[in-house]
PDB file of N, CA and C in Angstrom:
ATOM      1  N   UNK A   1      17.650  -9.148 -11.774  1.00  0.00           N
ATOM      2  CA  UNK A   1      16.860 -10.195 -11.151  1.00  0.00           C
ATOM      3  C   UNK A   1      17.654 -10.826 -10.011  1.00  0.00           C
ATOM      4  N   UNK A   2      16.932 -11.295  -9.025  1.00  0.00           N
ATOM      5  CA  UNK A   2      17.545 -11.869  -7.841  1.00  0.00           C
ATOM      6  C   UNK A   2      17.065 -13.300  -7.644  1.00  0.00           C
ATOM      7  N   UNK A   3      17.806 -14.036  -6.856  1.00  0.00           N
ATOM      8  CA  UNK A   3      17.407 -15.399  -6.502  1.00  0.00           C
ATOM      9  C   UNK A   3      17.006 -15.403  -5.034  1.00  0.00           C
ATOM     10  N   UNK A   4      15.815 -15.877  -4.767  1.00  0.00           N
ATOM     11  CA  UNK A   4      15.368 -16.041  -3.388  1.00  0.00           C
ATOM     12  C   UNK A   4      15.681 -17.460  -2.938  1.00  0.00           C
ATOM     13  N   UNK A   5      15.399 -17.743  -1.665  1.00  0.00           N
ATOM     14  CA  UNK A   5      15.600 -19.106  -1.172  1.00  0.00           C
ATOM     15  C   UNK A   5      14.777 -20.053  -2.025  1.00  0.00           C
ATOM     16  N   UNK A   6      15.307 -21.202  -2.287  1.00  0.00           N
ATOM     17  CA  UNK A   6      14.614 -22.177  -3.104  1.00  0.00           C
ATOM     18  C   UNK A   6      14.874 -21.971  -4.591  1.00  0.00           C
ATOM     19  N   UNK A   7      15.765 -21.053  -4.951  1.00  0.00           N
ATOM     20  CA  UNK A   7      16.123 -20.838  -6.343  1.00  0.00           C
ATOM     21  C   UNK A   7      15.106 -20.058  -7.153  1.00  0.00           C
ATOM     22  N   UNK A   8      14.165 -19.398  -6.500  1.00  0.00           N
ATOM     23  CA  UNK A   8      13.125 -18.644  -7.190  1.00  0.00           C
ATOM     24  C   UNK A   8      13.699 -17.333  -7.729  1.00  0.00           C
ATOM     25  N   UNK A   9      13.585 -17.108  -9.047  1.00  0.00           N
ATOM     26  CA  UNK A   9      14.045 -15.854  -9.640  1.00  0.00           C
ATOM     27  C   UNK A   9      12.967 -14.792  -9.460  1.00  0.00           C
ATOM     28  N   UNK A  10      13.398 -13.591  -9.177  1.00  0.00           N
ATOM     29  CA  UNK A  10      12.443 -12.524  -8.932  1.00  0.00           C
ATOM     30  C   UNK A  10      13.073 -11.170  -9.247  1.00  0.00           C
ATOM     31  N   UNK A  11      12.238 -10.151  -9.394  1.00  0.00           N
ATOM     32  CA  UNK A  11      12.736  -8.809  -9.678  1.00  0.00           C
ATOM     33  C   UNK A  11      12.994  -8.056  -8.372  1.00  0.00           C
ATOM     34  N   UNK A  12      13.630  -6.913  -8.488  1.00  0.00           N
ATOM     35  CA  UNK A  12      13.939  -6.081  -7.333  1.00  0.00           C
ATOM     36  C   UNK A  12      12.657  -5.668  -6.603  1.00  0.00           C
ATOM     37  N   UNK A  13      11.608  -5.310  -7.367  1.00  0.00           N
ATOM     38  CA  UNK A  13      10.348  -4.908  -6.732  1.00  0.00           C
ATOM     39  C   UNK A  13       9.723  -6.057  -5.953  1.00  0.00           C
ATOM     40  N   UNK A  14       9.827  -7.258  -6.472  1.00  0.00           N
ATOM     41  CA  UNK A  14       9.275  -8.415  -5.769  1.00  0.00           C
ATOM     42  C   UNK A  14      10.040  -8.681  -4.474  1.00  0.00           C
ATOM     43  N   UNK A  15      11.337  -8.503  -4.519  1.00  0.00           N
ATOM     44  CA  UNK A  15      12.160  -8.684  -3.312  1.00  0.00           C
ATOM     45  C   UNK A  15      11.764  -7.641  -2.268  1.00  0.00           C
ATOM     46  N   UNK A  16      11.613  -6.392  -2.694  1.00  0.00           N
ATOM     47  CA  UNK A  16      11.208  -5.327  -1.771  1.00  0.00           C
ATOM     48  C   UNK A  16       9.838  -5.624  -1.184  1.00  0.00           C
ATOM     49  N   UNK A  17       8.928  -6.081  -2.021  1.00  0.00           N
ATOM     50  CA  UNK A  17       7.568  -6.374  -1.565  1.00  0.00           C
ATOM     51  C   UNK A  17       7.580  -7.478  -0.504  1.00  0.00           C
ATOM     52  N   UNK A  18       8.316  -8.543  -0.768  1.00  0.00           N
ATOM     53  CA  UNK A  18       8.389  -9.635   0.201  1.00  0.00           C
ATOM     54  C   UNK A  18       9.073  -9.194   1.492  1.00  0.00           C
ATOM     55  N   UNK A  19      10.098  -8.374   1.357  1.00  0.00           N
ATOM     56  CA  UNK A  19      10.806  -7.887   2.548  1.00  0.00           C
ATOM     57  C   UNK A  19       9.902  -6.995   3.393  1.00  0.00           C
ATOM     58  N   UNK A  20       9.191  -6.065   2.756  1.00  0.00           N
ATOM     59  CA  UNK A  20       8.305  -5.169   3.508  1.00  0.00           C
ATOM     60  C   UNK A  20       7.138  -5.933   4.125  1.00  0.00           C
ATOM     61  N   UNK A  21       6.616  -6.925   3.415  1.00  0.00           N
ATOM     62  CA  UNK A  21       5.527  -7.744   3.968  1.00  0.00           C
ATOM     63  C   UNK A  21       6.002  -8.493   5.206  1.00  0.00           C
ATOM     64  N   UNK A  22       7.200  -9.068   5.122  1.00  0.00           N
ATOM     65  CA  UNK A  22       7.753  -9.774   6.276  1.00  0.00           C
ATOM     66  C   UNK A  22       8.026  -8.846   7.435  1.00  0.00           C
ATOM     67  N   UNK A  23       8.524  -7.658   7.126  1.00  0.00           N
ATOM     68  CA  UNK A  23       8.811  -6.668   8.160  1.00  0.00           C
ATOM     69  C   UNK A  23       7.532  -6.257   8.867  1.00  0.00           C
ATOM     70  N   UNK A  24       6.466  -6.043   8.103  1.00  0.00           N
ATOM     71  CA  UNK A  24       5.186  -5.659   8.680  1.00  0.00           C
ATOM     72  C   UNK A  24       4.620  -6.775   9.552  1.00  0.00           C
ATOM     73  N   UNK A  25       4.818  -8.011   9.122  1.00  0.00           N
ATOM     74  CA  UNK A  25       4.301  -9.147   9.871  1.00  0.00           C
ATOM     75  C   UNK A  25       5.048  -9.339  11.191  1.00  0.00           C
ATOM     76  N   UNK A  26       6.370  -9.179  11.177  1.00  0.00           N
ATOM     77  CA  UNK A  26       7.175  -9.459  12.366  1.00  0.00           C
ATOM     78  C   UNK A  26       7.368  -8.253  13.281  1.00  0.00           C
ATOM     79  N   UNK A  27       7.220  -7.066  12.725  1.00  0.00           N
ATOM     80  CA  UNK A  27       7.389  -5.857  13.525  1.00  0.00           C
ATOM     81  C   UNK A  27       6.369  -4.813  13.069  1.00  0.00           C
ATOM     82  N   UNK A  28       5.105  -4.985  13.455  1.00  0.00           N
ATOM     83  CA  UNK A  28       4.041  -4.120  12.938  1.00  0.00           C
ATOM     84  C   UNK A  28       4.269  -2.624  13.161  1.00  0.00           C
ATOM     85  N   UNK A  29       4.739  -2.240  14.323  1.00  0.00           N
ATOM     86  CA  UNK A  29       4.934  -0.809  14.598  1.00  0.00           C
ATOM     87  C   UNK A  29       5.978  -0.194  13.684  1.00  0.00           C
ATOM     88  N   UNK A  30       7.072  -0.896  13.463  1.00  0.00           N
ATOM     89  CA  UNK A  30       8.120  -0.392  12.577  1.00  0.00           C
ATOM     90  C   UNK A  30       7.698  -0.502  11.121  1.00  0.00           C
ATOM     91  N   UNK A  31       7.035  -1.593  10.780  1.00  0.00           N
ATOM     92  CA  UNK A  31       6.607  -1.818   9.406  1.00  0.00           C
ATOM     93  C   UNK A  31       5.558  -0.842   8.927  1.00  0.00           C
ATOM     94  N   UNK A  32       4.795  -0.251   9.844  1.00  0.00           N
ATOM     95  CA  UNK A  32       3.746   0.704   9.474  1.00  0.00           C
ATOM     96  C   UNK A  32       4.304   1.909   8.731  1.00  0.00           C
ATOM     97  N   UNK A  33       5.561   2.220   8.946  1.00  0.00           N
ATOM     98  CA  UNK A  33       6.172   3.369   8.277  1.00  0.00           C
ATOM     99  C   UNK A  33       6.300   3.143   6.773  1.00  0.00           C
ATOM    100  N   UNK A  34       6.192   1.895   6.342  1.00  0.00           N
ATOM    101  CA  UNK A  34       6.372   1.554   4.936  1.00  0.00           C
ATOM    102  C   UNK A  34       5.095   1.042   4.275  1.00  0.00           C
ATOM    103  N   UNK A  35       3.950   1.266   4.885  1.00  0.00           N
ATOM    104  CA  UNK A  35       2.699   0.763   4.327  1.00  0.00           C
ATOM    105  C   UNK A  35       2.404   1.331   2.943  1.00  0.00           C
ATOM    106  N   UNK A  36       2.648   2.607   2.733  1.00  0.00           N
ATOM    107  CA  UNK A  36       2.351   3.200   1.429  1.00  0.00           C
ATOM    108  C   UNK A  36       3.275   2.622   0.368  1.00  0.00           C
ATOM    109  N   UNK A  37       4.552   2.468   0.672  1.00  0.00           N
ATOM    110  CA  UNK A  37       5.486   1.873  -0.286  1.00  0.00           C
ATOM    111  C   UNK A  37       5.081   0.434  -0.597  1.00  0.00           C
ATOM    112  N   UNK A  38       4.658  -0.307   0.418  1.00  0.00           N
ATOM    113  CA  UNK A  38       4.205  -1.675   0.219  1.00  0.00           C
ATOM    114  C   UNK A  38       2.962  -1.693  -0.675  1.00  0.00           C
ATOM    115  N   UNK A  39       2.045  -0.768  -0.440  1.00  0.00           N
ATOM    116  CA  UNK A  39       0.838  -0.692  -1.275  1.00  0.00           C
ATOM    117  C   UNK A  39       1.206  -0.406  -2.733  1.00  0.00           C
ATOM    118  N   UNK A  40       2.176   0.475  -2.953  1.00  0.00           N
ATOM    119  CA  UNK A  40       2.614   0.783  -4.316  1.00  0.00           C
ATOM    120  C   UNK A  40       3.243  -0.437  -4.983  1.00  0.00           C
ATOM    121  N   UNK A  41       4.050  -1.167  -4.244  1.00  0.00           N
ATOM    122  CA  UNK A  41       4.673  -2.371  -4.785  1.00  0.00           C
ATOM    123  C   UNK A  41       3.629  -3.446  -5.085  1.00  0.00           C
ATOM    124  N   UNK A  42       2.624  -3.548  -4.226  1.00  0.00           N
ATOM    125  CA  UNK A  42       1.567  -4.528  -4.456  1.00  0.00           C
ATOM    126  C   UNK A  42       0.759  -4.184  -5.698  1.00  0.00           C
ATOM    127  N   UNK A  43       0.521  -2.908  -5.902  1.00  0.00           N
ATOM    128  CA  UNK A  43      -0.205  -2.501  -7.101  1.00  0.00           C
ATOM    129  C   UNK A  43       0.608  -2.819  -8.356  1.00  0.00           C
ATOM    130  N   UNK A  44       1.909  -2.594  -8.300  1.00  0.00           N
ATOM    131  CA  UNK A  44       2.749  -2.908  -9.460  1.00  0.00           C
ATOM    132  C   UNK A  44       2.810  -4.419  -9.710  1.00  0.00           C
ATOM    133  N   UNK A  45       2.558  -5.214  -8.664  1.00  0.00           N
ATOM    134  CA  UNK A  45       2.509  -6.673  -8.802  1.00  0.00           C
ATOM    135  C   UNK A  45       1.093  -7.148  -9.135  1.00  0.00           C
ATOM    136  N   UNK A  46       0.196  -6.200  -9.370  1.00  0.00           N
ATOM    137  CA  UNK A  46      -1.205  -6.458  -9.731  1.00  0.00           C
ATOM    138  C   UNK A  46      -1.987  -7.152  -8.618  1.00  0.00           C
ATOM    139  N   UNK A  47      -1.638  -6.843  -7.382  1.00  0.00           N
ATOM    140  CA  UNK A  47      -2.371  -7.333  -6.218  1.00  0.00           C
ATOM    141  C   UNK A  47      -3.165  -6.147  -5.669  1.00  0.00           C
ATOM    142  N   UNK A  48      -4.230  -5.809  -6.376  1.00  0.00           N
ATOM    143  CA  UNK A  48      -4.994  -4.601  -6.071  1.00  0.00           C
ATOM    144  C   UNK A  48      -5.648  -4.648  -4.700  1.00  0.00           C
ATOM    145  N   UNK A  49      -6.191  -5.795  -4.307  1.00  0.00           N
ATOM    146  CA  UNK A  49      -6.861  -5.882  -3.003  1.00  0.00           C
ATOM    147  C   UNK A  49      -5.893  -5.595  -1.852  1.00  0.00           C
ATOM    148  N   UNK A  50      -4.700  -6.155  -1.927  1.00  0.00           N
ATOM    149  CA  UNK A  50      -3.704  -5.882  -0.880  1.00  0.00           C
ATOM    150  C   UNK A  50      -3.257  -4.426  -0.926  1.00  0.00           C
ATOM    151  N   UNK A  51      -3.144  -3.878  -2.139  1.00  0.00           N
ATOM    152  CA  UNK A  51      -2.750  -2.472  -2.272  1.00  0.00           C
ATOM    153  C   UNK A  51      -3.792  -1.564  -1.628  1.00  0.00           C
ATOM    154  N   UNK A  52      -5.059  -1.839  -1.861  1.00  0.00           N
ATOM    155  CA  UNK A  52      -6.134  -1.040  -1.252  1.00  0.00           C
ATOM    156  C   UNK A  52      -6.108  -1.201   0.259  1.00  0.00           C
ATOM    157  N   UNK A  53      -5.950  -2.423   0.732  1.00  0.00           N
ATOM    158  CA  UNK A  53      -5.927  -2.682   2.174  1.00  0.00           C
ATOM    159  C   UNK A  53      -4.789  -1.926   2.858  1.00  0.00           C
ATOM    160  N   UNK A  54      -3.593  -2.011   2.311  1.00  0.00           N
ATOM    161  CA  UNK A  54      -2.464  -1.317   2.929  1.00  0.00           C
ATOM    162  C   UNK A  54      -2.554   0.195   2.731  1.00  0.00           C
ATOM    163  N   UNK A  55      -3.140   0.630   1.619  1.00  0.00           N
ATOM    164  CA  UNK A  55      -3.367   2.066   1.427  1.00  0.00           C
ATOM    165  C   UNK A  55      -4.321   2.625   2.466  1.00  0.00           C
ATOM    166  N   UNK A  56      -5.380   1.879   2.765  1.00  0.00           N
ATOM    167  CA  UNK A  56      -6.335   2.310   3.795  1.00  0.00           C
ATOM    168  C   UNK A  56      -5.679   2.355   5.175  1.00  0.00           C
ATOM    169  N   UNK A  57      -4.876   1.344   5.464  1.00  0.00           N
ATOM    170  CA  UNK A  57      -4.170   1.329   6.761  1.00  0.00           C
ATOM    171  C   UNK A  57      -3.240   2.529   6.870  1.00  0.00           C
ATOM    172  N   UNK A  58      -2.545   2.856   5.771  1.00  0.00           N
ATOM    173  CA  UNK A  58      -1.647   4.016   5.753  1.00  0.00           C
ATOM    174  C   UNK A  58      -2.443   5.281   6.058  1.00  0.00           C
ATOM    175  N   UNK A  59      -3.590   5.441   5.402  1.00  0.00           N
ATOM    176  CA  UNK A  59      -4.385   6.651   5.609  1.00  0.00           C
ATOM    177  C   UNK A  59      -5.012   6.707   6.994  1.00  0.00           C
ATOM    178  N   UNK A  60      -5.305   5.563   7.585  1.00  0.00           N
ATOM    179  CA  UNK A  60      -5.841   5.596   8.948  1.00  0.00           C
ATOM    180  C   UNK A  60      -4.770   6.078   9.926  1.00  0.00           C
ATOM    181  N   UNK A  61      -3.503   5.781   9.622  1.00  0.00           N
ATOM    182  CA  UNK A  61      -2.403   6.238  10.469  1.00  0.00           C
ATOM    183  C   UNK A  61      -1.932   7.643  10.116  1.00  0.00           C
ATOM    184  N   UNK A  62      -2.106   8.045   8.836  1.00  0.00           N
ATOM    185  CA  UNK A  62      -1.629   9.337   8.333  1.00  0.00           C
ATOM    186  C   UNK A  62      -2.748  10.019   7.538  1.00  0.00           C
ATOM    187  N   UNK A  63      -3.810  10.451   8.207  1.00  0.00           N
ATOM    188  CA  UNK A  63      -4.989  10.958   7.490  1.00  0.00           C
ATOM    189  C   UNK A  63      -4.735  12.237   6.680  1.00  0.00           C
ATOM    190  N   UNK A  64      -3.687  12.975   6.967  1.00  0.00           N
ATOM    191  CA  UNK A  64      -3.426  14.216   6.245  1.00  0.00           C
ATOM    192  C   UNK A  64      -2.422  14.039   5.104  1.00  0.00           C
ATOM    193  N   UNK A  65      -2.034  12.804   4.823  1.00  0.00           N
ATOM    194  CA  UNK A  65      -1.032  12.550   3.789  1.00  0.00           C
ATOM    195  C   UNK A  65      -1.687  12.573   2.405  1.00  0.00           C
ATOM    196  N   UNK A  66      -1.406  13.609   1.647  1.00  0.00           N
ATOM    197  CA  UNK A  66      -1.997  13.783   0.329  1.00  0.00           C
ATOM    198  C   UNK A  66      -1.548  12.700  -0.648  1.00  0.00           C
ATOM    199  N   UNK A  67      -0.298  12.265  -0.556  1.00  0.00           N
ATOM    200  CA  UNK A  67       0.172  11.230  -1.484  1.00  0.00           C
ATOM    201  C   UNK A  67      -0.571   9.914  -1.266  1.00  0.00           C
ATOM    202  N   UNK A  68      -0.936   9.619  -0.029  1.00  0.00           N
ATOM    203  CA  UNK A  68      -1.731   8.427   0.252  1.00  0.00           C
ATOM    204  C   UNK A  68      -3.116   8.520  -0.349  1.00  0.00           C
ATOM    205  N   UNK A  69      -3.721   9.704  -0.235  1.00  0.00           N
ATOM    206  CA  UNK A  69      -5.040   9.910  -0.834  1.00  0.00           C
ATOM    207  C   UNK A  69      -4.974   9.830  -2.354  1.00  0.00           C
ATOM    208  N   UNK A  70      -3.932  10.409  -2.927  1.00  0.00           N
ATOM    209  CA  UNK A  70      -3.781  10.366  -4.386  1.00  0.00           C
ATOM    210  C   UNK A  70      -3.535   8.938  -4.871  1.00  0.00           C
ATOM    211  N   UNK A  71      -2.900   8.137  -4.078  1.00  0.00           N
ATOM    212  CA  UNK A  71      -2.676   6.740  -4.437  1.00  0.00           C
ATOM    213  C   UNK A  71      -3.982   5.950  -4.366  1.00  0.00           C
ATOM    214  N   UNK A  72      -4.729   6.125  -3.283  1.00  0.00           N
ATOM    215  CA  UNK A  72      -5.879   5.278  -3.021  1.00  0.00           C
ATOM    216  C   UNK A  72      -7.125   5.669  -3.809  1.00  0.00           C
ATOM    217  N   UNK A  73      -7.328   6.943  -4.044  1.00  0.00           N
ATOM    218  CA  UNK A  73      -8.560   7.399  -4.691  1.00  0.00           C
ATOM    219  C   UNK A  73      -8.843   6.704  -6.027  1.00  0.00           C
ATOM    220  N   UNK A  74      -7.896   6.618  -6.954  1.00  0.00           N
ATOM    221  CA  UNK A  74      -8.207   5.952  -8.226  1.00  0.00           C
ATOM    222  C   UNK A  74      -8.566   4.474  -8.066  1.00  0.00           C
ATOM    223  N   UNK A  75      -8.095   3.855  -7.005  1.00  0.00           N
ATOM    224  CA  UNK A  75      -8.378   2.440  -6.787  1.00  0.00           C
ATOM    225  C   UNK A  75      -9.781   2.202  -6.249  1.00  0.00           C
ATOM    226  N   UNK A  76     -10.336   3.190  -5.548  1.00  0.00           N
ATOM    227  CA  UNK A  76     -11.642   2.997  -4.911  1.00  0.00           C
ATOM    228  C   UNK A  76     -12.734   3.878  -5.501  1.00  0.00           C
ATOM    229  N   UNK A  77     -12.434   4.618  -6.559  1.00  0.00           N
ATOM    230  CA  UNK A  77     -13.411   5.582  -7.059  1.00  0.00           C
ATOM    231  C   UNK A  77     -14.677   4.932  -7.609  1.00  0.00           C
ATOM    232  N   UNK A  78     -14.636   3.660  -7.928  1.00  0.00           N
ATOM    233  CA  UNK A  78     -15.846   2.995  -8.409  1.00  0.00           C
ATOM    234  C   UNK A  78     -16.813   2.664  -7.278  1.00  0.00           C
ATOM    235  N   UNK A  79     -16.341   2.695  -6.038  1.00  0.00           N
ATOM    236  CA  UNK A  79     -17.187   2.444  -4.879  1.00  0.00           C
ATOM    237  C   UNK A  79     -17.679   3.793  -4.346  1.00  0.00           C
ATOM    238  N   UNK A  80     -18.958   4.074  -4.526  1.00  0.00           N
ATOM    239  CA  UNK A  80     -19.524   5.387  -4.194  1.00  0.00           C
ATOM    240  C   UNK A  80     -19.336   5.757  -2.720  1.00  0.00           C
ATOM    241  N   UNK A  81     -19.502   4.810  -1.818  1.00  0.00           N
ATOM    242  CA  UNK A  81     -19.368   5.111  -0.384  1.00  0.00           C
ATOM    243  C   UNK A  81     -17.952   5.547  -0.039  1.00  0.00           C
ATOM    244  N   UNK A  82     -16.977   4.826  -0.529  1.00  0.00           N
ATOM    245  CA  UNK A  82     -15.593   5.168  -0.221  1.00  0.00           C
ATOM    246  C   UNK A  82     -15.173   6.456  -0.916  1.00  0.00           C
ATOM    247  N   UNK A  83     -15.668   6.691  -2.115  1.00  0.00           N
ATOM    248  CA  UNK A  83     -15.342   7.915  -2.837  1.00  0.00           C
ATOM    249  C   UNK A  83     -15.808   9.135  -2.053  1.00  0.00           C
ATOM    250  N   UNK A  84     -17.008   9.098  -1.511  1.00  0.00           N
ATOM    251  CA  UNK A  84     -17.535  10.223  -0.747  1.00  0.00           C
ATOM    252  C   UNK A  84     -16.665  10.516   0.473  1.00  0.00           C
ATOM    253  N   UNK A  85     -16.211   9.472   1.132  1.00  0.00           N
ATOM    254  CA  UNK A  85     -15.361   9.654   2.310  1.00  0.00           C
ATOM    255  C   UNK A  85     -14.050  10.328   1.930  1.00  0.00           C
ATOM    256  N   UNK A  86     -13.408   9.857   0.864  1.00  0.00           N
ATOM    257  CA  UNK A  86     -12.112  10.419   0.469  1.00  0.00           C
ATOM    258  C   UNK A  86     -12.254  11.848  -0.045  1.00  0.00           C
ATOM    259  N   UNK A  87     -13.354  12.146  -0.707  1.00  0.00           N
ATOM    260  CA  UNK A  87     -13.571  13.529  -1.168  1.00  0.00           C
ATOM    261  C   UNK A  87     -13.759  14.475   0.015  1.00  0.00           C
ATOM    262  N   UNK A  88     -14.455  14.023   1.059  1.00  0.00           N
ATOM    263  CA  UNK A  88     -14.615  14.838   2.251  1.00  0.00           C
ATOM    264  C   UNK A  88     -13.266  15.110   2.917  1.00  0.00           C
ATOM    265  N   UNK A  89     -12.427  14.107   2.963  1.00  0.00           N
ATOM    266  CA  UNK A  89     -11.094  14.287   3.545  1.00  0.00           C
ATOM    267  C   UNK A  89     -10.297  15.307   2.735  1.00  0.00           C
ATOM    268  N   UNK A  90     -10.353  15.193   1.415  1.00  0.00           N
ATOM    269  CA  UNK A  90      -9.632  16.130   0.564  1.00  0.00           C
ATOM    270  C   UNK A  90     -10.137  17.569   0.734  1.00  0.00           C
ATOM    271  N   UNK A  91     -11.427  17.742   0.936  1.00  0.00           N
ATOM    272  CA  UNK A  91     -12.004  19.070   1.093  1.00  0.00           C
ATOM    273  C   UNK A  91     -11.550  19.714   2.395  1.00  0.00           C
ATOM    274  N   UNK A  92     -11.215  18.944   3.402  1.00  0.00           N
ATOM    275  CA  UNK A  92     -10.746  19.476   4.685  1.00  0.00           C
ATOM    276  C   UNK A  92      -9.351  20.049   4.598  1.00  0.00           C
ATOM    277  N   UNK A  93      -8.600  19.695   3.600  1.00  0.00           N
ATOM    278  CA  UNK A  93      -7.194  20.132   3.502  1.00  0.00           C
ATOM    279  C   UNK A  93      -7.094  21.546   3.033  1.00  0.00           C
TER     280      UNK A  93
END
């Protein structure tokens, strides 16, 4: 466990998540390289909406990345419109 400013105790994943979020906010072009990792960390922190949002951004930048599709599909499979889109992308590979 780590201590953040203000004496807040946190885990390594939380520190990484906050660091990547800050990096994305202050340097979007450089931070985009870590969108999938940020989405994974957000999911582990049970922030599903942010995980889906960053997963979608990752796939818009890297449409042929299978690991991104494998990450995002289970999160959106209940939405029929999004499921159809991701299945079409997978069929193109």
